[in-house]
Structure formats: structure tokens, C-alpha cells
Amino acid sequence: MQTAMNLTTAVEKKNRTTKSVRGYDSPRSAANETLNLAPAIIRGAMEKIDLKKKLKDLYQPSSKEVVQVDVPTMNYLMVDGSGDPNTSKEYSDAIETLFTISYAVKFMVKKGALAIDYGVMPLEGLWWADDMSKFSTEDKSGWKWTMMIMQPDFITGEMINNAIADLRNKKKLSAASTVRFEALSEGKCAQILHVGPFSEEGPTIEKVHHFIDTRGKRIGKHHEIYLSDIRKADPAKWKTIIRQPMQ
């Protein structure tokens, strides 16, 4: 597993030679990728990007029916772990670290040479177990997970490294050494929006599985995207995207 201070990976090498799926040329010029240049005000109006609106089909699904979507390759900050997310300190440390780095990068970009203002994307999770027949909501101790936050395609490993280095001087990041910057390719998936507590996801997940099983087969890992702040929202109104790769 690569460390947070070695995040300039094949993700960036690929981005240097390909056109972004969301319309941004990669890479920007060397000057644009240097965050410590002149303030944005000198260059004119700041660009604002609503990523969830641009990716509406992926991040704003209906709760009424399962739909098929084609998920492009996207870059994420990721942390792997295992155990019950309700009691695991490893899990809470991972989430805190992912959001802390993501917001640090956002403000570096906003105030830097790129002068782009964008909203940090929601927390996402891949869930599985070594023996999927024992993957039970009753016993979460054997669960494995990858928690992650999608990063815009103009974010580079160098930017991530700079943000982490700056944060290390200000606060302790418990999971910083386990963070990686990596591309995820899911391709064809089925998904639906679940509204309600996590404990009531079962029937919604069954809908997704039935949709896939009547058209092909399930592949990859169970994927959830958390659209609500569960610290503040009524559990009955929690919004979670349930996604499953298929072929």
C-alpha cells in the first residue's frame, strides 16, 4: 500500500496523456498546477463548479426505480480498513482524515493559481467480506471497507501531497499514512437512491440485485454513497445511493 507522501502515481501519468471525461484538459500547464502563484483576483473571475450537478446521473438518482449507469474512471482519496464501522476507531479516523485532506485541497485550489471553487464530494464506501456468504448486518466484525471521496480531475497527487504536508504542521492526521490517491473504474452499474436508516437498506439492495440478476451478473464490490450528514439529519431522511457494478 502506497503512503500519502508518495501519491503521484499512474493516475497522474494517465491524466497527462488523456482528455478528462468531464471536459477538462489534463494536465493544466505547469504554472497552473503550482498552487503558490499570484492570487486569483489578479487573474479575473473565479470559476465555480458544481460537480454533483455535472455528474447528475451518478449522484442524483431516483428512489423510485433501479437504473443502469455507466460510471467513468474517476480519481479518489481512499483509505482501507476492516471491522464494525459503528465501533471501529480505524473507521472514524479514516473518515476524519479523508474530509480534512479533501477540504484542505479544495481551499488550496480556490486560493491558488487554478482559482476554481468546487464543493467537496460526499463520502463513499466499498464494502465486502472475504467470505461473502457470511457478510451479515448482524455481525459486522468481519466487514472490510474502502472509504473514499472523489476528487475533481484537475486535482493531482502533488496537490494532495502539498495539502498533507501543510496539515502535518498544523494537526495530527491519524490515518494520513494509509491514504492513497487512486483511480477507480466501475463501468456499467445498477443504482438507486435509498431513503432511510442504514438498517433498512436490505429491500433496496435486493431491488438492485434483482435488476442485475435478470440482465446479467453482479461483479465488483457493494458501493454506497452517503448524501446526508447523519450527525444532523433525521435517520428517516438519510439519503444513500446503492450502487453495484454489473456485466
C-alpha atoms as a PDB file:
ATOM      1  CA  MET A   1       0.000   0.000   0.000  1.00  0.00           C
ATOM      2  CA  GLN A   2       1.449   3.328  -1.001  1.00  0.00           C
ATOM      3  CA  THR A   3       1.727   6.085   1.564  1.00  0.00           C
ATOM      4  CA  ALA A   4       0.225   9.541   1.440  1.00  0.00           C
ATOM      5  CA  MET A   5       3.603  11.089   0.683  1.00  0.00           C
ATOM      6  CA  ASN A   6       4.000   9.032  -2.461  1.00  0.00           C
ATOM      7  CA  LEU A   7       0.743   9.814  -4.198  1.00  0.00           C
ATOM      8  CA  THR A   8       1.983  10.922  -7.613  1.00  0.00           C
ATOM      9  CA  THR A   9       1.012   7.648  -9.254  1.00  0.00           C
ATOM     10  CA  ALA A  10      -0.147   6.168 -12.515  1.00  0.00           C
ATOM     11  CA  VAL A  11      -3.323   8.191 -12.023  1.00  0.00           C
ATOM     12  CA  GLU A  12      -1.434  11.381 -12.873  1.00  0.00           C
ATOM     13  CA  LYS A  13       0.574   9.756 -15.635  1.00  0.00           C
ATOM     14  CA  LYS A  14      -2.665   8.694 -17.272  1.00  0.00           C
ATOM     15  CA  ASN A  15      -4.204  12.133 -16.803  1.00  0.00           C
ATOM     16  CA  ARG A  16      -1.240  13.783 -18.516  1.00  0.00           C
ATOM     17  CA  THR A  17      -1.991  11.958 -21.740  1.00  0.00           C
ATOM     18  CA  THR A  18      -5.783  11.701 -21.813  1.00  0.00           C
ATOM     19  CA  LYS A  19      -8.754  14.037 -22.102  1.00  0.00           C
ATOM     20  CA  SER A  20     -10.876  14.188 -18.972  1.00  0.00           C
ATOM     21  CA  VAL A  21     -14.329  12.625 -19.137  1.00  0.00           C
ATOM     22  CA  ARG A  22     -15.749  15.845 -17.717  1.00  0.00           C
ATOM     23  CA  GLY A  23     -14.208  18.213 -20.212  1.00  0.00           C
ATOM     24  CA  TYR A  24     -11.026  19.427 -18.517  1.00  0.00           C
ATOM     25  CA  ASP A  25      -7.730  19.087 -20.329  1.00  0.00           C
ATOM     26  CA  SER A  26      -5.119  17.254 -18.269  1.00  0.00           C
ATOM     27  CA  PRO A  27      -2.672  18.361 -17.297  1.00  0.00           C
ATOM     28  CA  ARG A  28      -3.008  22.076 -16.910  1.00  0.00           C
ATOM     29  CA  SER A  29       0.188  23.946 -17.541  1.00  0.00           C
ATOM     30  CA  ALA A  30       2.984  23.670 -15.013  1.00  0.00           C
ATOM     31  CA  ALA A  31       2.152  27.194 -13.903  1.00  0.00           C
ATOM     32  CA  ASN A  32      -1.473  26.271 -13.300  1.00  0.00           C
ATOM     33  CA  GLU A  33      -0.505  23.262 -11.238  1.00  0.00           C
ATOM     34  CA  THR A  34       1.657  25.362  -8.934  1.00  0.00           C
ATOM     35  CA  LEU A  35      -0.611  26.440  -6.104  1.00  0.00           C
ATOM     36  CA  ASN A  36       1.575  29.224  -4.736  1.00  0.00           C
ATOM     37  CA  LEU A  37       1.281  31.699  -7.594  1.00  0.00           C
ATOM     38  CA  ALA A  38      -0.492  35.060  -7.758  1.00  0.00           C
ATOM     39  CA  PRO A  39      -3.862  35.407  -6.013  1.00  0.00           C
ATOM     40  CA  ALA A  40      -6.945  34.526  -8.006  1.00  0.00           C
ATOM     41  CA  ILE A  41      -8.168  38.121  -8.026  1.00  0.00           C
ATOM     42  CA  ILE A  42      -5.304  39.106 -10.345  1.00  0.00           C
ATOM     43  CA  ARG A  43      -6.451  36.640 -12.970  1.00  0.00           C
ATOM     44  CA  GLY A  44     -10.095  37.641 -13.009  1.00  0.00           C
ATOM     45  CA  ALA A  45     -13.328  35.901 -12.021  1.00  0.00           C
ATOM     46  CA  MET A  46     -13.162  32.627 -10.150  1.00  0.00           C
ATOM     47  CA  GLU A  47     -14.589  29.558 -11.845  1.00  0.00           C
ATOM     48  CA  LYS A  48     -17.254  27.729  -9.863  1.00  0.00           C
ATOM     49  CA  ILE A  49     -18.035  24.082 -10.496  1.00  0.00           C
ATOM     50  CA  ASP A  50     -20.974  22.044  -9.179  1.00  0.00           C
ATOM     51  CA  LEU A  51     -19.635  18.521  -9.546  1.00  0.00           C
ATOM     52  CA  LYS A  52     -22.802  16.796  -8.365  1.00  0.00           C
ATOM     53  CA  LYS A  53     -24.788  18.743 -10.956  1.00  0.00           C
ATOM     54  CA  LYS A  54     -22.289  17.878 -13.702  1.00  0.00           C
ATOM     55  CA  LEU A  55     -22.495  14.236 -12.636  1.00  0.00           C
ATOM     56  CA  LYS A  56     -26.238  14.295 -12.010  1.00  0.00           C
ATOM     57  CA  ASP A  57     -26.853  10.801 -13.400  1.00  0.00           C
ATOM     58  CA  LEU A  58     -24.348   9.370 -10.914  1.00  0.00           C
ATOM     59  CA  TYR A  59     -25.032  11.432  -7.798  1.00  0.00           C
ATOM     60  CA  GLN A  60     -28.741  12.336  -8.040  1.00  0.00           C
ATOM     61  CA  PRO A  61     -30.573   9.079  -8.820  1.00  0.00           C
ATOM     62  CA  SER A  62     -34.259   8.410  -8.291  1.00  0.00           C
ATOM     63  CA  SER A  63     -35.543   6.460  -5.311  1.00  0.00           C
ATOM     64  CA  LYS A  64     -38.408   5.056  -7.393  1.00  0.00           C
ATOM     65  CA  GLU A  65     -36.567   2.636  -9.657  1.00  0.00           C
ATOM     66  CA  VAL A  66     -33.224   0.991 -10.258  1.00  0.00           C
ATOM     67  CA  VAL A  67     -31.386   2.408 -13.250  1.00  0.00           C
ATOM     68  CA  GLN A  68     -28.302   1.401 -15.211  1.00  0.00           C
ATOM     69  CA  VAL A  69     -25.481   3.915 -15.422  1.00  0.00           C
ATOM     70  CA  ASP A  70     -22.027   3.973 -16.962  1.00  0.00           C
ATOM     71  CA  VAL A  71     -19.565   5.185 -14.361  1.00  0.00           C
ATOM     72  CA  PRO A  72     -16.379   6.649 -15.872  1.00  0.00           C
ATOM     73  CA  THR A  73     -12.957   6.205 -14.346  1.00  0.00           C
ATOM     74  CA  MET A  74     -12.633   8.731 -11.536  1.00  0.00           C
ATOM     75  CA  ASN A  75      -9.924   9.594  -9.021  1.00  0.00           C
ATOM     76  CA  TYR A  76     -10.422   9.170  -5.286  1.00  0.00           C
ATOM     77  CA  LEU A  77      -8.723   9.667  -1.979  1.00  0.00           C
ATOM     78  CA  MET A  78      -9.030   6.227  -0.344  1.00  0.00           C
ATOM     79  CA  VAL A  79      -8.422   4.529   2.988  1.00  0.00           C
ATOM     80  CA  ASP A  80      -8.818   0.769   3.528  1.00  0.00           C
ATOM     81  CA  GLY A  81      -9.865  -0.863   6.771  1.00  0.00           C
ATOM     82  CA  SER A  82     -11.893  -3.584   8.445  1.00  0.00           C
ATOM     83  CA  GLY A  83     -14.290  -4.129  11.311  1.00  0.00           C
ATOM     84  CA  ASP A  84     -17.610  -2.773  12.527  1.00  0.00           C
ATOM     85  CA  PRO A  85     -17.940   0.860  11.342  1.00  0.00           C
ATOM     86  CA  ASN A  86     -20.124   1.627  14.357  1.00  0.00           C
ATOM     87  CA  THR A  87     -17.380   0.842  16.862  1.00  0.00           C
ATOM     88  CA  SER A  88     -14.093   0.980  14.914  1.00  0.00           C
ATOM     89  CA  LYS A  89     -11.738   3.860  15.701  1.00  0.00           C
ATOM     90  CA  GLU A  90      -9.922   2.968  12.472  1.00  0.00           C
ATOM     91  CA  TYR A  91     -13.124   3.770  10.594  1.00  0.00           C
ATOM     92  CA  SER A  92     -13.749   7.122  12.286  1.00  0.00           C
ATOM     93  CA  ASP A  93     -10.101   8.118  11.842  1.00  0.00           C
ATOM     94  CA  ALA A  94     -10.326   7.273   8.131  1.00  0.00           C
ATOM     95  CA  ILE A  95     -13.370   9.473   7.595  1.00  0.00           C
ATOM     96  CA  GLU A  96     -11.888  12.402   9.518  1.00  0.00           C
ATOM     97  CA  THR A  97      -8.664  12.186   7.524  1.00  0.00           C
ATOM     98  CA  LEU A  98     -10.406  11.938   4.143  1.00  0.00           C
ATOM     99  CA  PHE A  99     -12.547  15.013   4.762  1.00  0.00           C
ATOM    100  CA  THR A 100      -9.707  17.021   6.313  1.00  0.00           C
ATOM    101  CA  ILE A 101      -7.461  16.448   3.287  1.00  0.00           C
ATOM    102  CA  SER A 102     -10.286  16.980   0.788  1.00  0.00           C
ATOM    103  CA  TYR A 103     -11.197  20.360   2.284  1.00  0.00           C
ATOM    104  CA  ALA A 104      -7.548  21.394   2.508  1.00  0.00           C
ATOM    105  CA  VAL A 105      -7.098  20.658  -1.196  1.00  0.00           C
ATOM    106  CA  LYS A 106     -10.328  22.485  -2.068  1.00  0.00           C
ATOM    107  CA  PHE A 107      -9.180  25.708  -0.396  1.00  0.00           C
ATOM    108  CA  MET A 108      -5.660  25.468  -1.811  1.00  0.00           C
ATOM    109  CA  VAL A 109      -7.166  25.266  -5.296  1.00  0.00           C
ATOM    110  CA  LYS A 110      -9.662  28.040  -4.633  1.00  0.00           C
ATOM    111  CA  LYS A 111      -6.961  30.421  -3.411  1.00  0.00           C
ATOM    112  CA  GLY A 112      -4.271  29.273  -5.810  1.00  0.00           C
ATOM    113  CA  ALA A 113      -3.423  29.528  -9.478  1.00  0.00           C
ATOM    114  CA  LEU A 114      -6.334  27.442 -10.742  1.00  0.00           C
ATOM    115  CA  ALA A 115      -8.851  29.688  -8.945  1.00  0.00           C
ATOM    116  CA  ILE A 116     -11.596  27.057  -9.047  1.00  0.00           C
ATOM    117  CA  ASP A 117     -14.265  26.822  -6.384  1.00  0.00           C
ATOM    118  CA  TYR A 118     -15.949  23.436  -6.074  1.00  0.00           C
ATOM    119  CA  GLY A 119     -17.861  21.539  -3.420  1.00  0.00           C
ATOM    120  CA  VAL A 120     -16.186  18.620  -1.678  1.00  0.00           C
ATOM    121  CA  MET A 121     -17.884  15.433  -2.831  1.00  0.00           C
ATOM    122  CA  PRO A 122     -19.741  13.087  -0.467  1.00  0.00           C
ATOM    123  CA  LEU A 123     -18.246  10.176   1.419  1.00  0.00           C
ATOM    124  CA  GLU A 124     -18.414   6.852  -0.419  1.00  0.00           C
ATOM    125  CA  GLY A 125     -17.728   3.312   0.688  1.00  0.00           C
ATOM    126  CA  LEU A 126     -16.919  -0.048  -0.873  1.00  0.00           C
ATOM    127  CA  TRP A 127     -17.979  -2.948   1.355  1.00  0.00           C
ATOM    128  CA  TRP A 128     -17.186  -6.669   1.270  1.00  0.00           C
ATOM    129  CA  ALA A 129     -16.033  -9.696   3.253  1.00  0.00           C
ATOM    130  CA  ASP A 130     -13.541 -12.447   2.467  1.00  0.00           C
ATOM    131  CA  ASP A 131     -16.471 -14.882   2.597  1.00  0.00           C
ATOM    132  CA  MET A 132     -19.468 -13.057   1.156  1.00  0.00           C
ATOM    133  CA  SER A 133     -21.798 -15.806   2.414  1.00  0.00           C
ATOM    134  CA  LYS A 134     -21.011 -14.510   5.903  1.00  0.00           C
ATOM    135  CA  PHE A 135     -21.479 -10.845   5.008  1.00  0.00           C
ATOM    136  CA  SER A 136     -24.198 -10.098   7.528  1.00  0.00           C
ATOM    137  CA  THR A 137     -25.630  -6.936   9.033  1.00  0.00           C
ATOM    138  CA  GLU A 138     -25.911  -8.858  12.295  1.00  0.00           C
ATOM    139  CA  ASP A 139     -22.141  -9.362  12.619  1.00  0.00           C
ATOM    140  CA  LYS A 140     -20.097  -6.515  11.181  1.00  0.00           C
ATOM    141  CA  SER A 141     -16.793  -7.546  12.742  1.00  0.00           C
ATOM    142  CA  GLY A 142     -15.728  -9.348   9.562  1.00  0.00           C
ATOM    143  CA  TRP A 143     -16.574  -6.480   7.234  1.00  0.00           C
ATOM    144  CA  LYS A 144     -13.887  -4.935   5.065  1.00  0.00           C
ATOM    145  CA  TRP A 145     -14.176  -1.495   3.574  1.00  0.00           C
ATOM    146  CA  THR A 146     -12.609   1.196   1.465  1.00  0.00           C
ATOM    147  CA  MET A 147     -13.828   4.663   2.377  1.00  0.00           C
ATOM    148  CA  MET A 148     -13.226   7.313  -0.258  1.00  0.00           C
ATOM    149  CA  ILE A 149     -14.007  10.786  -1.576  1.00  0.00           C
ATOM    150  CA  MET A 150     -13.973  11.525  -5.300  1.00  0.00           C
ATOM    151  CA  GLN A 151     -11.586  14.276  -6.408  1.00  0.00           C
ATOM    152  CA  PRO A 152     -12.055  16.511  -9.474  1.00  0.00           C
ATOM    153  CA  ASP A 153      -9.869  15.539 -12.420  1.00  0.00           C
ATOM    154  CA  PHE A 154      -7.766  18.706 -12.120  1.00  0.00           C
ATOM    155  CA  ILE A 155      -6.534  17.562  -8.702  1.00  0.00           C
ATOM    156  CA  THR A 156      -3.074  15.983  -8.820  1.00  0.00           C
ATOM    157  CA  GLY A 157      -1.020  13.866  -6.481  1.00  0.00           C
ATOM    158  CA  GLU A 158       1.316  16.817  -5.979  1.00  0.00           C
ATOM    159  CA  MET A 159      -1.594  18.903  -4.727  1.00  0.00           C
ATOM    160  CA  ILE A 160      -2.598  16.122  -2.328  1.00  0.00           C
ATOM    161  CA  ASN A 161       0.978  15.846  -1.074  1.00  0.00           C
ATOM    162  CA  ASN A 162       1.204  19.607  -0.543  1.00  0.00           C
ATOM    163  CA  ALA A 163      -2.049  19.625   1.418  1.00  0.00           C
ATOM    164  CA  ILE A 164      -0.957  16.732   3.632  1.00  0.00           C
ATOM    165  CA  ALA A 165       2.438  18.316   4.296  1.00  0.00           C
ATOM    166  CA  ASP A 166       0.748  21.550   5.323  1.00  0.00           C
ATOM    167  CA  LEU A 167      -1.746  19.714   7.538  1.00  0.00           C
ATOM    168  CA  ARG A 168       1.002  17.737   9.277  1.00  0.00           C
ATOM    169  CA  ASN A 169       2.384  21.034  10.540  1.00  0.00           C
ATOM    170  CA  LYS A 170      -0.976  22.038  11.983  1.00  0.00           C
ATOM    171  CA  LYS A 171      -2.691  18.906  13.305  1.00  0.00           C
ATOM    172  CA  LYS A 172      -2.371  15.184  13.711  1.00  0.00           C
ATOM    173  CA  LEU A 173      -3.949  13.057  10.995  1.00  0.00           C
ATOM    174  CA  SER A 174      -4.302   9.558  12.394  1.00  0.00           C
ATOM    175  CA  ALA A 175      -4.864   7.852   9.031  1.00  0.00           C
ATOM    176  CA  ALA A 176      -2.656  10.046   6.831  1.00  0.00           C
ATOM    177  CA  SER A 177      -0.073   7.315   6.276  1.00  0.00           C
ATOM    178  CA  THR A 178      -2.732   4.982   4.853  1.00  0.00           C
ATOM    179  CA  VAL A 179      -4.324   7.432   2.409  1.00  0.00           C
ATOM    180  CA  ARG A 180      -3.847   6.757  -1.280  1.00  0.00           C
ATOM    181  CA  PHE A 181      -4.842   8.648  -4.428  1.00  0.00           C
ATOM    182  CA  GLU A 182      -6.168   6.151  -6.925  1.00  0.00           C
ATOM    183  CA  ALA A 183      -8.373   5.754  -9.969  1.00  0.00           C
ATOM    184  CA  LEU A 184     -11.465   3.551  -9.760  1.00  0.00           C
ATOM    185  CA  SER A 185     -13.114   2.107 -12.871  1.00  0.00           C
ATOM    186  CA  GLU A 186     -16.580   0.615 -12.319  1.00  0.00           C
ATOM    187  CA  GLY A 187     -18.121   0.908 -15.772  1.00  0.00           C
ATOM    188  CA  LYS A 188     -21.649  -0.446 -16.095  1.00  0.00           C
ATOM    189  CA  CYS A 189     -23.533  -0.342 -12.784  1.00  0.00           C
ATOM    190  CA  ALA A 190     -27.042  -0.520 -11.378  1.00  0.00           C
ATOM    191  CA  GLN A 191     -28.050   2.014  -8.747  1.00  0.00           C
ATOM    192  CA  ILE A 192     -30.944   3.507  -6.805  1.00  0.00           C
ATOM    193  CA  LEU A 193     -31.412   6.031  -4.005  1.00  0.00           C
ATOM    194  CA  HIS A 194     -32.284   4.588  -0.590  1.00  0.00           C
ATOM    195  CA  VAL A 195     -34.077   6.949   1.794  1.00  0.00           C
ATOM    196  CA  GLY A 196     -33.994   5.911   5.435  1.00  0.00           C
ATOM    197  CA  PRO A 197     -31.638   4.400   8.017  1.00  0.00           C
ATOM    198  CA  PHE A 198     -28.839   2.055   7.010  1.00  0.00           C
ATOM    199  CA  SER A 199     -30.539  -0.771   8.915  1.00  0.00           C
ATOM    200  CA  GLU A 200     -33.412  -0.697   6.403  1.00  0.00           C
ATOM    201  CA  GLU A 201     -31.301  -0.905   3.245  1.00  0.00           C
ATOM    202  CA  GLY A 202     -31.988  -4.613   2.744  1.00  0.00           C
ATOM    203  CA  PRO A 203     -35.054  -4.394   0.460  1.00  0.00           C
ATOM    204  CA  THR A 204     -33.400  -1.630  -1.590  1.00  0.00           C
ATOM    205  CA  ILE A 205     -30.276  -3.729  -2.084  1.00  0.00           C
ATOM    206  CA  GLU A 206     -32.463  -6.668  -3.118  1.00  0.00           C
ATOM    207  CA  LYS A 207     -34.047  -4.475  -5.807  1.00  0.00           C
ATOM    208  CA  VAL A 208     -30.608  -3.676  -7.205  1.00  0.00           C
ATOM    209  CA  HIS A 209     -29.570  -7.342  -7.168  1.00  0.00           C
ATOM    210  CA  HIS A 210     -32.810  -8.425  -8.853  1.00  0.00           C
ATOM    211  CA  PHE A 211     -32.334  -5.788 -11.557  1.00  0.00           C
ATOM    212  CA  ILE A 212     -28.846  -7.102 -12.276  1.00  0.00           C
ATOM    213  CA  ASP A 213     -29.653 -10.815 -11.982  1.00  0.00           C
ATOM    214  CA  THR A 214     -32.384 -10.538 -14.640  1.00  0.00           C
ATOM    215  CA  ARG A 215     -29.992  -8.836 -17.058  1.00  0.00           C
ATOM    216  CA  GLY A 216     -26.548 -10.233 -16.351  1.00  0.00           C
ATOM    217  CA  LYS A 217     -24.464 -10.805 -13.243  1.00  0.00           C
ATOM    218  CA  ARG A 218     -23.034  -8.897 -10.322  1.00  0.00           C
ATOM    219  CA  ILE A 219     -19.333  -8.060 -10.236  1.00  0.00           C
ATOM    220  CA  GLY A 220     -17.109  -5.872  -8.084  1.00  0.00           C
ATOM    221  CA  LYS A 221     -17.955  -4.581  -4.610  1.00  0.00           C
ATOM    222  CA  HIS A 222     -21.071  -3.215  -2.971  1.00  0.00           C
ATOM    223  CA  HIS A 223     -20.834   0.583  -3.261  1.00  0.00           C
ATOM    224  CA  GLU A 224     -22.632   3.173  -1.142  1.00  0.00           C
ATOM    225  CA  ILE A 225     -22.604   6.964  -1.448  1.00  0.00           C
ATOM    226  CA  TYR A 226     -23.697   8.956   1.586  1.00  0.00           C
ATOM    227  CA  LEU A 227     -25.518  12.140   0.625  1.00  0.00           C
ATOM    228  CA  SER A 228     -26.729  13.136   4.107  1.00  0.00           C
ATOM    229  CA  ASP A 229     -24.940  14.420   7.183  1.00  0.00           C
ATOM    230  CA  ILE A 230     -26.033  11.700   9.586  1.00  0.00           C
ATOM    231  CA  ARG A 231     -24.914  13.807  12.541  1.00  0.00           C
ATOM    232  CA  LYS A 232     -27.738  16.263  11.842  1.00  0.00           C
ATOM    233  CA  ALA A 233     -30.381  14.619   9.654  1.00  0.00           C
ATOM    234  CA  ASP A 234     -33.312  12.527  10.839  1.00  0.00           C
ATOM    235  CA  PRO A 235     -32.429   8.854  10.106  1.00  0.00           C
ATOM    236  CA  ALA A 236     -35.763   8.501   8.308  1.00  0.00           C
ATOM    237  CA  LYS A 237     -34.488  11.058   5.793  1.00  0.00           C
ATOM    238  CA  TRP A 238     -30.949   9.777   5.280  1.00  0.00           C
ATOM    239  CA  LYS A 239     -30.139   9.516   1.570  1.00  0.00           C
ATOM    240  CA  THR A 240     -27.774   6.781   0.399  1.00  0.00           C
ATOM    241  CA  ILE A 241     -27.034   5.753  -3.163  1.00  0.00           C
ATOM    242  CA  ILE A 242     -26.795   1.973  -3.516  1.00  0.00           C
ATOM    243  CA  ARG A 243     -24.586   1.034  -6.470  1.00  0.00           C
ATOM    244  CA  GLN A 244     -23.413  -2.323  -7.775  1.00  0.00           C
ATOM    245  CA  PRO A 245     -21.185  -2.999 -10.801  1.00  0.00           C
ATOM    246  CA  MET A 246     -22.620  -5.454 -13.293  1.00  0.00           C
ATOM    247  CA  GLN A 247     -21.930  -7.130 -16.602  1.00  0.00           C
END
